[in-house]
Amino acid sequence: MNKHKHYDTIIAWANGAPIEMKDAVADTWHDVQTPSWYESLNYRIKPEPVRDVLRDAYIVNSLSAGPMMYAVQKSIESNITMVFDGTTGELKDVSFKQPQKPF
């Protein structure tokens, strides 16, 4: 006897895993609370979201070499924070910190 096409996903759903169904037209996945388990459709266990990656750096403008970026060490305070998408690695956001003015 052959297993149902969605056997593993059905078992995971029965054990409480969130399930998604693929929209073949839009090529996207959508949450589904009560799957119908049609063999013509595609289902999957909803993947865990991947966290974004934050990177702090220190950027200076060198007169001879132009802008230079340094990885931040404990002894140097960062002046820029970059946010990278945890899945694609693409840069999503950059925020700059204003330098603190001496008293």
PDB file of N, CA and C in Angstrom:
ATOM      1  N   MET A   1       0.848  -1.185   0.000  1.00  0.00           N
ATOM      2  CA  MET A   1       0.000   0.000   0.000  1.00  0.00           C
ATOM      3  C   MET A   1       0.892   1.247   0.000  1.00  0.00           C
ATOM      4  N   ASN A   2       0.585   2.191  -0.882  1.00  0.00           N
ATOM      5  CA  ASN A   2       1.368   3.419  -0.981  1.00  0.00           C
ATOM      6  C   ASN A   2       0.892   4.447   0.031  1.00  0.00           C
ATOM      7  N   LYS A   3       1.859   5.249   0.512  1.00  0.00           N
ATOM      8  CA  LYS A   3       1.509   6.351   1.407  1.00  0.00           C
ATOM      9  C   LYS A   3       0.822   7.454   0.614  1.00  0.00           C
ATOM     10  N   HIS A   4      -0.032   8.196   1.291  1.00  0.00           N
ATOM     11  CA  HIS A   4      -0.653   9.385   0.716  1.00  0.00           C
ATOM     12  C   HIS A   4       0.452  10.389   0.381  1.00  0.00           C
ATOM     13  N   LYS A   5       0.271  11.149  -0.679  1.00  0.00           N
ATOM     14  CA  LYS A   5       1.264  12.138  -1.114  1.00  0.00           C
ATOM     15  C   LYS A   5       1.668  13.082   0.021  1.00  0.00           C
ATOM     16  N   HIS A   6       0.709  13.436   0.863  1.00  0.00           N
ATOM     17  CA  HIS A   6       0.956  14.417   1.930  1.00  0.00           C
ATOM     18  C   HIS A   6       1.105  13.755   3.306  1.00  0.00           C
ATOM     19  N   TYR A   7       1.427  12.480   3.332  1.00  0.00           N
ATOM     20  CA  TYR A   7       1.466  11.718   4.589  1.00  0.00           C
ATOM     21  C   TYR A   7       2.276  12.434   5.671  1.00  0.00           C
ATOM     22  N   ASP A   8       3.516  12.794   5.381  1.00  0.00           N
ATOM     23  CA  ASP A   8       4.381  13.409   6.398  1.00  0.00           C
ATOM     24  C   ASP A   8       3.824  14.745   6.885  1.00  0.00           C
ATOM     25  N   THR A   9       3.267  15.525   5.962  1.00  0.00           N
ATOM     26  CA  THR A   9       2.690  16.817   6.330  1.00  0.00           C
ATOM     27  C   THR A   9       1.416  16.637   7.149  1.00  0.00           C
ATOM     28  N   ILE A  10       0.619  15.625   6.814  1.00  0.00           N
ATOM     29  CA  ILE A  10      -0.604  15.330   7.585  1.00  0.00           C
ATOM     30  C   ILE A  10      -0.242  14.964   9.021  1.00  0.00           C
ATOM     31  N   ILE A  11       0.776  14.128   9.178  1.00  0.00           N
ATOM     32  CA  ILE A  11       1.209  13.724  10.527  1.00  0.00           C
ATOM     33  C   ILE A  11       1.699  14.944  11.306  1.00  0.00           C
ATOM     34  N   ALA A  12       2.494  15.796  10.664  1.00  0.00           N
ATOM     35  CA  ALA A  12       2.981  17.007  11.339  1.00  0.00           C
ATOM     36  C   ALA A  12       1.823  17.906  11.746  1.00  0.00           C
ATOM     37  N   TRP A  13       0.809  18.054  10.864  1.00  0.00           N
ATOM     38  CA  TRP A  13      -0.367  18.874  11.168  1.00  0.00           C
ATOM     39  C   TRP A  13      -1.135  18.279  12.347  1.00  0.00           C
ATOM     40  N   ALA A  14      -1.276  16.953  12.363  1.00  0.00           N
ATOM     41  CA  ALA A  14      -1.982  16.285  13.465  1.00  0.00           C
ATOM     42  C   ALA A  14      -1.249  16.498  14.788  1.00  0.00           C
ATOM     43  N   ASN A  15       0.055  16.708  14.720  1.00  0.00           N
ATOM     44  CA  ASN A  15       0.856  16.969  15.923  1.00  0.00           C
ATOM     45  C   ASN A  15       0.974  18.456  16.239  1.00  0.00           C
ATOM     46  N   GLY A  16       0.235  19.296  15.516  1.00  0.00           N
ATOM     47  CA  GLY A  16       0.165  20.726  15.842  1.00  0.00           C
ATOM     48  C   GLY A  16       1.006  21.653  14.994  1.00  0.00           C
ATOM     49  N   ALA A  17       1.686  21.159  13.973  1.00  0.00           N
ATOM     50  CA  ALA A  17       2.511  22.030  13.125  1.00  0.00           C
ATOM     51  C   ALA A  17       1.631  22.912  12.246  1.00  0.00           C
ATOM     52  N   PRO A  18       1.997  24.182  12.074  1.00  0.00           N
ATOM     53  CA  PRO A  18       1.246  25.050  11.155  1.00  0.00           C
ATOM     54  C   PRO A  18       1.518  24.633   9.710  1.00  0.00           C
ATOM     55  N   ILE A  19       0.477  24.682   8.872  1.00  0.00           N
ATOM     56  CA  ILE A  19       0.563  24.212   7.491  1.00  0.00           C
ATOM     57  C   ILE A  19       0.277  25.365   6.533  1.00  0.00           C
ATOM     58  N   GLU A  20       0.980  25.353   5.401  1.00  0.00           N
ATOM     59  CA  GLU A  20       0.735  26.310   4.333  1.00  0.00           C
ATOM     60  C   GLU A  20       0.353  25.552   3.063  1.00  0.00           C
ATOM     61  N   MET A  21      -0.462  26.217   2.236  1.00  0.00           N
ATOM     62  CA  MET A  21      -0.869  25.657   0.945  1.00  0.00           C
ATOM     63  C   MET A  21      -0.361  26.598  -0.144  1.00  0.00           C
ATOM     64  N   LYS A  22       0.114  26.022  -1.240  1.00  0.00           N
ATOM     65  CA  LYS A  22       0.664  26.839  -2.320  1.00  0.00           C
ATOM     66  C   LYS A  22      -0.424  27.288  -3.282  1.00  0.00           C
ATOM     67  N   ASP A  23      -0.412  28.587  -3.572  1.00  0.00           N
ATOM     68  CA  ASP A  23      -1.260  29.161  -4.620  1.00  0.00           C
ATOM     69  C   ASP A  23      -0.457  29.058  -5.912  1.00  0.00           C
ATOM     70  N   ALA A  24      -0.841  28.134  -6.771  1.00  0.00           N
ATOM     71  CA  ALA A  24      -0.072  27.860  -7.988  1.00  0.00           C
ATOM     72  C   ALA A  24      -0.083  29.035  -8.957  1.00  0.00           C
ATOM     73  N   VAL A  25      -1.145  29.824  -8.962  1.00  0.00           N
ATOM     74  CA  VAL A  25      -1.240  30.951  -9.889  1.00  0.00           C
ATOM     75  C   VAL A  25      -0.275  32.067  -9.475  1.00  0.00           C
ATOM     76  N   ALA A  26      -0.321  32.439  -8.186  1.00  0.00           N
ATOM     77  CA  ALA A  26       0.525  33.522  -7.685  1.00  0.00           C
ATOM     78  C   ALA A  26       1.908  33.029  -7.258  1.00  0.00           C
ATOM     79  N   ASP A  27       2.098  31.716  -7.197  1.00  0.00           N
ATOM     80  CA  ASP A  27       3.351  31.108  -6.752  1.00  0.00           C
ATOM     81  C   ASP A  27       3.751  31.603  -5.356  1.00  0.00           C
ATOM     82  N   THR A  28       2.752  31.617  -4.451  1.00  0.00           N
ATOM     83  CA  THR A  28       2.976  32.034  -3.068  1.00  0.00           C
ATOM     84  C   THR A  28       2.377  30.999  -2.123  1.00  0.00           C
ATOM     85  N   TRP A  29       2.801  31.036  -0.876  1.00  0.00           N
ATOM     86  CA  TRP A  29       2.294  30.121   0.150  1.00  0.00           C
ATOM     87  C   TRP A  29       1.403  30.884   1.104  1.00  0.00           C
ATOM     88  N   HIS A  30       0.292  30.233   1.550  1.00  0.00           N
ATOM     89  CA  HIS A  30      -0.665  30.856   2.459  1.00  0.00           C
ATOM     90  C   HIS A  30      -0.980  29.901   3.602  1.00  0.00           C
ATOM     91  N   ASP A  31      -1.179  30.473   4.797  1.00  0.00           N
ATOM     92  CA  ASP A  31      -1.581  29.664   5.948  1.00  0.00           C
ATOM     93  C   ASP A  31      -2.921  29.001   5.672  1.00  0.00           C
ATOM     94  N   VAL A  32      -3.072  27.767   6.123  1.00  0.00           N
ATOM     95  CA  VAL A  32      -4.347  27.063   5.996  1.00  0.00           C
ATOM     96  C   VAL A  32      -4.600  26.339   7.321  1.00  0.00           C
ATOM     97  N   GLN A  33      -5.762  26.628   7.929  1.00  0.00           N
ATOM     98  CA  GLN A  33      -6.088  26.059   9.241  1.00  0.00           C
ATOM     99  C   GLN A  33      -6.571  24.612   9.137  1.00  0.00           C
ATOM    100  N   THR A  34      -7.412  24.337   8.149  1.00  0.00           N
ATOM    101  CA  THR A  34      -7.954  22.984   7.969  1.00  0.00           C
ATOM    102  C   THR A  34      -7.708  22.530   6.535  1.00  0.00           C
ATOM    103  N   PRO A  35      -6.541  21.959   6.284  1.00  0.00           N
ATOM    104  CA  PRO A  35      -6.216  21.524   4.921  1.00  0.00           C
ATOM    105  C   PRO A  35      -7.156  20.430   4.436  1.00  0.00           C
ATOM    106  N   SER A  36      -7.436  20.432   3.144  1.00  0.00           N
ATOM    107  CA  SER A  36      -8.294  19.396   2.567  1.00  0.00           C
ATOM    108  C   SER A  36      -7.483  18.215   2.040  1.00  0.00           C
ATOM    109  N   TRP A  37      -6.178  18.381   1.940  1.00  0.00           N
ATOM    110  CA  TRP A  37      -5.238  17.325   1.547  1.00  0.00           C
ATOM    111  C   TRP A  37      -5.503  16.743   0.165  1.00  0.00           C
ATOM    112  N   TYR A  38      -5.955  17.593  -0.759  1.00  0.00           N
ATOM    113  CA  TYR A  38      -6.109  17.137  -2.138  1.00  0.00           C
ATOM    114  C   TYR A  38      -4.732  16.820  -2.712  1.00  0.00           C
ATOM    115  N   GLU A  39      -4.625  15.731  -3.420  1.00  0.00           N
ATOM    116  CA  GLU A  39      -3.330  15.352  -3.984  1.00  0.00           C
ATOM    117  C   GLU A  39      -2.889  16.287  -5.100  1.00  0.00           C
ATOM    118  N   SER A  40      -3.815  17.019  -5.693  1.00  0.00           N
ATOM    119  CA  SER A  40      -3.465  17.952  -6.764  1.00  0.00           C
ATOM    120  C   SER A  40      -2.877  19.264  -6.228  1.00  0.00           C
ATOM    121  N   LEU A  41      -2.978  19.497  -4.919  1.00  0.00           N
ATOM    122  CA  LEU A  41      -2.451  20.722  -4.311  1.00  0.00           C
ATOM    123  C   LEU A  41      -1.153  20.422  -3.581  1.00  0.00           C
ATOM    124  N   ASN A  42      -0.401  21.480  -3.281  1.00  0.00           N
ATOM    125  CA  ASN A  42       0.855  21.338  -2.545  1.00  0.00           C
ATOM    126  C   ASN A  42       0.717  21.962  -1.172  1.00  0.00           C
ATOM    127  N   TYR A  43       1.153  21.225  -0.162  1.00  0.00           N
ATOM    128  CA  TYR A  43       1.140  21.665   1.230  1.00  0.00           C
ATOM    129  C   TYR A  43       2.552  21.520   1.781  1.00  0.00           C
ATOM    130  N   ARG A  44       2.830  22.301   2.810  1.00  0.00           N
ATOM    131  CA  ARG A  44       4.113  22.164   3.493  1.00  0.00           C
ATOM    132  C   ARG A  44       3.962  22.617   4.936  1.00  0.00           C
ATOM    133  N   ILE A  45       4.895  22.182   5.752  1.00  0.00           N
ATOM    134  CA  ILE A  45       4.973  22.695   7.117  1.00  0.00           C
ATOM    135  C   ILE A  45       5.501  24.122   7.008  1.00  0.00           C
ATOM    136  N   LYS A  46       4.832  25.043   7.688  1.00  0.00           N
ATOM    137  CA  LYS A  46       5.238  26.444   7.607  1.00  0.00           C
ATOM    138  C   LYS A  46       6.663  26.583   8.146  1.00  0.00           C
ATOM    139  N   PRO A  47       7.572  27.140   7.348  1.00  0.00           N
ATOM    140  CA  PRO A  47       8.945  27.277   7.816  1.00  0.00           C
ATOM    141  C   PRO A  47       9.067  28.333   8.918  1.00  0.00           C
ATOM    142  N   GLU A  48      10.031  28.108   9.794  1.00  0.00           N
ATOM    143  CA  GLU A  48      10.313  29.088  10.843  1.00  0.00           C
ATOM    144  C   GLU A  48      10.883  30.348  10.187  1.00  0.00           C
ATOM    145  N   PRO A  49      10.448  31.515  10.654  1.00  0.00           N
ATOM    146  CA  PRO A  49      11.014  32.735  10.076  1.00  0.00           C
ATOM    147  C   PRO A  49      12.503  32.841  10.416  1.00  0.00           C
ATOM    148  N   VAL A  50      13.257  33.349   9.478  1.00  0.00           N
ATOM    149  CA  VAL A  50      14.689  33.537   9.684  1.00  0.00           C
ATOM    150  C   VAL A  50      14.909  34.973  10.136  1.00  0.00           C
ATOM    151  N   ARG A  51      15.629  35.135  11.232  1.00  0.00           N
ATOM    152  CA  ARG A  51      15.861  36.471  11.776  1.00  0.00           C
ATOM    153  C   ARG A  51      16.783  37.282  10.882  1.00  0.00           C
ATOM    154  N   ASP A  52      16.538  38.590  10.867  1.00  0.00           N
ATOM    155  CA  ASP A  52      17.440  39.497  10.170  1.00  0.00           C
ATOM    156  C   ASP A  52      18.776  39.532  10.905  1.00  0.00           C
ATOM    157  N   VAL A  53      19.814  39.902  10.183  1.00  0.00           N
ATOM    158  CA  VAL A  53      21.161  39.973  10.749  1.00  0.00           C
ATOM    159  C   VAL A  53      21.544  41.438  10.868  1.00  0.00           C
ATOM    160  N   LEU A  54      21.959  41.851  12.067  1.00  0.00           N
ATOM    161  CA  LEU A  54      22.396  43.227  12.312  1.00  0.00           C
ATOM    162  C   LEU A  54      23.920  43.265  12.347  1.00  0.00           C
ATOM    163  N   ARG A  55      24.491  44.246  11.680  1.00  0.00           N
ATOM    164  CA  ARG A  55      25.944  44.424  11.684  1.00  0.00           C
ATOM    165  C   ARG A  55      26.243  45.885  11.997  1.00  0.00           C
ATOM    166  N   ASP A  56      27.043  46.102  13.030  1.00  0.00           N
ATOM    167  CA  ASP A  56      27.497  47.440  13.374  1.00  0.00           C
ATOM    168  C   ASP A  56      28.858  47.673  12.736  1.00  0.00           C
ATOM    169  N   ALA A  57      29.097  48.908  12.341  1.00  0.00           N
ATOM    170  CA  ALA A  57      30.375  49.249  11.721  1.00  0.00           C
ATOM    171  C   ALA A  57      30.724  50.687  12.080  1.00  0.00           C
ATOM    172  N   TYR A  58      31.955  51.031  11.784  1.00  0.00           N
ATOM    173  CA  TYR A  58      32.438  52.392  11.990  1.00  0.00           C
ATOM    174  C   TYR A  58      32.973  52.878  10.654  1.00  0.00           C
ATOM    175  N   ILE A  59      32.404  53.950  10.125  1.00  0.00           N
ATOM    176  CA  ILE A  59      32.818  54.478   8.831  1.00  0.00           C
ATOM    177  C   ILE A  59      33.497  55.830   9.043  1.00  0.00           C
ATOM    178  N   VAL A  60      34.635  55.992   8.387  1.00  0.00           N
ATOM    179  CA  VAL A  60      35.357  57.268   8.424  1.00  0.00           C
ATOM    180  C   VAL A  60      35.662  57.676   6.986  1.00  0.00           C
ATOM    181  N   ASN A  61      35.850  58.951   6.785  1.00  0.00           N
ATOM    182  CA  ASN A  61      36.222  59.450   5.466  1.00  0.00           C
ATOM    183  C   ASN A  61      37.700  59.791   5.509  1.00  0.00           C
ATOM    184  N   SER A  62      38.504  58.934   4.923  1.00  0.00           N
ATOM    185  CA  SER A  62      39.944  59.135   4.876  1.00  0.00           C
ATOM    186  C   SER A  62      40.274  60.111   3.753  1.00  0.00           C
ATOM    187  N   LEU A  63      41.124  61.087   4.020  1.00  0.00           N
ATOM    188  CA  LEU A  63      41.466  62.074   2.994  1.00  0.00           C
ATOM    189  C   LEU A  63      42.225  61.440   1.836  1.00  0.00           C
ATOM    190  N   SER A  64      43.003  60.408   2.122  1.00  0.00           N
ATOM    191  CA  SER A  64      43.810  59.808   1.052  1.00  0.00           C
ATOM    192  C   SER A  64      43.099  58.644   0.361  1.00  0.00           C
ATOM    193  N   ALA A  65      42.286  57.892   1.087  1.00  0.00           N
ATOM    194  CA  ALA A  65      41.688  56.688   0.508  1.00  0.00           C
ATOM    195  C   ALA A  65      40.180  56.785   0.324  1.00  0.00           C
ATOM    196  N   GLY A  66      39.556  57.841   0.794  1.00  0.00           N
ATOM    197  CA  GLY A  66      38.111  57.959   0.692  1.00  0.00           C
ATOM    198  C   GLY A  66      37.421  57.235   1.837  1.00  0.00           C
ATOM    199  N   PRO A  67      36.122  56.969   1.709  1.00  0.00           N
ATOM    200  CA  PRO A  67      35.384  56.309   2.798  1.00  0.00           C
ATOM    201  C   PRO A  67      35.943  54.920   3.103  1.00  0.00           C
ATOM    202  N   MET A  68      36.104  54.640   4.376  1.00  0.00           N
ATOM    203  CA  MET A  68      36.596  53.327   4.813  1.00  0.00           C
ATOM    204  C   MET A  68      35.679  52.816   5.917  1.00  0.00           C
ATOM    205  N   MET A  69      35.370  51.514   5.881  1.00  0.00           N
ATOM    206  CA  MET A  69      34.492  50.922   6.876  1.00  0.00           C
ATOM    207  C   MET A  69      35.281  49.902   7.690  1.00  0.00           C
ATOM    208  N   TYR A  70      35.073  49.927   8.994  1.00  0.00           N
ATOM    209  CA  TYR A  70      35.760  49.015   9.893  1.00  0.00           C
ATOM    210  C   TYR A  70      34.740  48.186  10.658  1.00  0.00           C
ATOM    211  N   ALA A  71      35.049  46.924  10.866  1.00  0.00           N
ATOM    212  CA  ALA A  71      34.228  46.111  11.760  1.00  0.00           C
ATOM    213  C   ALA A  71      34.383  46.677  13.157  1.00  0.00           C
ATOM    214  N   VAL A  72      33.296  46.702  13.907  1.00  0.00           N
ATOM    215  CA  VAL A  72      33.320  47.320  15.225  1.00  0.00           C
ATOM    216  C   VAL A  72      33.930  46.368  16.243  1.00  0.00           C
ATOM    217  N   GLN A  73      34.845  46.916  17.004  1.00  0.00           N
ATOM    218  CA  GLN A  73      35.426  46.185  18.132  1.00  0.00           C
ATOM    219  C   GLN A  73      34.924  46.829  19.402  1.00  0.00           C
ATOM    220  N   LYS A  74      35.157  46.192  20.506  1.00  0.00           N
ATOM    221  CA  LYS A  74      34.645  46.702  21.775  1.00  0.00           C
ATOM    222  C   LYS A  74      35.192  48.092  22.096  1.00  0.00           C
ATOM    223  N   SER A  75      36.397  48.392  21.632  1.00  0.00           N
ATOM    224  CA  SER A  75      37.001  49.682  21.969  1.00  0.00           C
ATOM    225  C   SER A  75      36.512  50.821  21.071  1.00  0.00           C
ATOM    226  N   ILE A  76      35.782  50.498  19.992  1.00  0.00           N
ATOM    227  CA  ILE A  76      35.297  51.520  19.059  1.00  0.00           C
ATOM    228  C   ILE A  76      33.766  51.508  19.060  1.00  0.00           C
ATOM    229  N   GLU A  77      33.171  52.689  19.162  1.00  0.00           N
ATOM    230  CA  GLU A  77      31.714  52.771  19.101  1.00  0.00           C
ATOM    231  C   GLU A  77      31.282  52.865  17.640  1.00  0.00           C
ATOM    232  N   SER A  78      30.277  52.088  17.265  1.00  0.00           N
ATOM    233  CA  SER A  78      29.815  52.098  15.874  1.00  0.00           C
ATOM    234  C   SER A  78      29.105  53.402  15.554  1.00  0.00           C
ATOM    235  N   ASN A  79      29.136  53.791  14.282  1.00  0.00           N
ATOM    236  CA  ASN A  79      28.375  54.960  13.863  1.00  0.00           C
ATOM    237  C   ASN A  79      27.367  54.599  12.774  1.00  0.00           C
ATOM    238  N   ILE A  80      27.249  53.284  12.472  1.00  0.00           N
ATOM    239  CA  ILE A  80      26.296  52.817  11.477  1.00  0.00           C
ATOM    240  C   ILE A  80      25.848  51.404  11.848  1.00  0.00           C
ATOM    241  N   THR A  81      24.559  51.116  11.621  1.00  0.00           N
ATOM    242  CA  THR A  81      24.025  49.763  11.796  1.00  0.00           C
ATOM    243  C   THR A  81      23.348  49.363  10.499  1.00  0.00           C
ATOM    244  N   MET A  82      23.711  48.182  10.004  1.00  0.00           N
ATOM    245  CA  MET A  82      23.130  47.668   8.767  1.00  0.00           C
ATOM    246  C   MET A  82      22.258  46.467   9.104  1.00  0.00           C
ATOM    247  N   VAL A  83      21.100  46.357   8.456  1.00  0.00           N
ATOM    248  CA  VAL A  83      20.188  45.237   8.651  1.00  0.00           C
ATOM    249  C   VAL A  83      20.137  44.444   7.350  1.00  0.00           C
ATOM    250  N   PHE A  84      20.474  43.142   7.449  1.00  0.00           N
ATOM    251  CA  PHE A  84      20.449  42.258   6.291  1.00  0.00           C
ATOM    252  C   PHE A  84      19.323  41.246   6.448  1.00  0.00           C
ATOM    253  N   ASP A  85      18.616  40.949   5.358  1.00  0.00           N
ATOM    254  CA  ASP A  85      17.557  39.950   5.361  1.00  0.00           C
ATOM    255  C   ASP A  85      18.162  38.601   5.734  1.00  0.00           C
ATOM    256  N   GLY A  86      17.562  37.935   6.712  1.00  0.00           N
ATOM    257  CA  GLY A  86      18.088  36.666   7.195  1.00  0.00           C
ATOM    258  C   GLY A  86      18.013  35.547   6.183  1.00  0.00           C
ATOM    259  N   THR A  87      17.115  35.644   5.214  1.00  0.00           N
ATOM    260  CA  THR A  87      16.964  34.598   4.207  1.00  0.00           C
ATOM    261  C   THR A  87      17.823  34.866   2.975  1.00  0.00           C
ATOM    262  N   THR A  88      17.733  36.081   2.447  1.00  0.00           N
ATOM    263  CA  THR A  88      18.417  36.382   1.187  1.00  0.00           C
ATOM    264  C   THR A  88      19.803  36.984   1.373  1.00  0.00           C
ATOM    265  N   GLY A  89      20.068  37.561   2.545  1.00  0.00           N
ATOM    266  CA  GLY A  89      21.343  38.234   2.774  1.00  0.00           C
ATOM    267  C   GLY A  89      21.400  39.632   2.188  1.00  0.00           C
ATOM    268  N   GLU A  90      20.280  40.087   1.601  1.00  0.00           N
ATOM    269  CA  GLU A  90      20.224  41.417   0.993  1.00  0.00           C
ATOM    270  C   GLU A  90      20.147  42.497   2.071  1.00  0.00           C
ATOM    271  N   LEU A  91      20.780  43.631   1.809  1.00  0.00           N
ATOM    272  CA  LEU A  91      20.720  44.776   2.704  1.00  0.00           C
ATOM    273  C   LEU A  91      19.302  45.342   2.701  1.00  0.00           C
ATOM    274  N   LYS A  92      18.685  45.459   3.904  1.00  0.00           N
ATOM    275  CA  LYS A  92      17.314  45.962   4.007  1.00  0.00           C
ATOM    276  C   LYS A  92      17.251  47.389   4.518  1.00  0.00           C
ATOM    277  N   ASP A  93      18.174  47.731   5.418  1.00  0.00           N
ATOM    278  CA  ASP A  93      18.077  49.034   6.072  1.00  0.00           C
ATOM    279  C   ASP A  93      19.450  49.444   6.584  1.00  0.00           C
ATOM    280  N   VAL A  94      19.661  50.738   6.661  1.00  0.00           N
ATOM    281  CA  VAL A  94      20.881  51.295   7.230  1.00  0.00           C
ATOM    282  C   VAL A  94      20.471  52.443   8.136  1.00  0.00           C
ATOM    283  N   SER A  95      21.030  52.478   9.329  1.00  0.00           N
ATOM    284  CA  SER A  95      20.760  53.612  10.213  1.00  0.00           C
ATOM    285  C   SER A  95      22.084  54.184  10.696  1.00  0.00           C
ATOM    286  N   PHE A  96      22.130  55.494  10.767  1.00  0.00           N
ATOM    287  CA  PHE A  96      23.340  56.196  11.160  1.00  0.00           C
ATOM    288  C   PHE A  96      23.155  56.777  12.554  1.00  0.00           C
ATOM    289  N   LYS A  97      24.217  56.758  13.321  1.00  0.00           N
ATOM    290  CA  LYS A  97      24.199  57.363  14.649  1.00  0.00           C
ATOM    291  C   LYS A  97      24.938  58.692  14.575  1.00  0.00           C
ATOM    292  N   GLN A  98      24.343  59.701  15.135  1.00  0.00           N
ATOM    293  CA  GLN A  98      25.008  61.007  15.188  1.00  0.00           C
ATOM    294  C   GLN A  98      26.159  60.945  16.204  1.00  0.00           C
ATOM    295  N   PRO A  99      27.291  61.492  15.862  1.00  0.00           N
ATOM    296  CA  PRO A  99      28.397  61.478  16.834  1.00  0.00           C
ATOM    297  C   PRO A  99      28.023  62.287  18.062  1.00  0.00           C
ATOM    298  N   GLN A 100      28.488  61.814  19.188  1.00  0.00           N
ATOM    299  CA  GLN A 100      28.219  62.536  20.425  1.00  0.00           C
ATOM    300  C   GLN A 100      29.147  63.747  20.501  1.00  0.00           C
ATOM    301  N   LYS A 101      28.561  64.873  20.855  1.00  0.00           N
ATOM    302  CA  LYS A 101      29.350  66.116  20.915  1.00  0.00           C
ATOM    303  C   LYS A 101      29.982  66.233  22.293  1.00  0.00           C
ATOM    304  N   PRO A 102      31.247  66.640  22.326  1.00  0.00           N
ATOM    305  CA  PRO A 102      31.893  66.815  23.628  1.00  0.00           C
ATOM    306  C   PRO A 102      31.253  67.971  24.388  1.00  0.00           C
ATOM    307  N   PHE A 103      31.410  67.969  25.688  1.00  0.00           N
ATOM    308  CA  PHE A 103      30.813  69.009  26.539  1.00  0.00           C
ATOM    309  C   PHE A 103      31.417  70.327  26.318  1.00  0.00           C
TER     310      PHE A 103
END
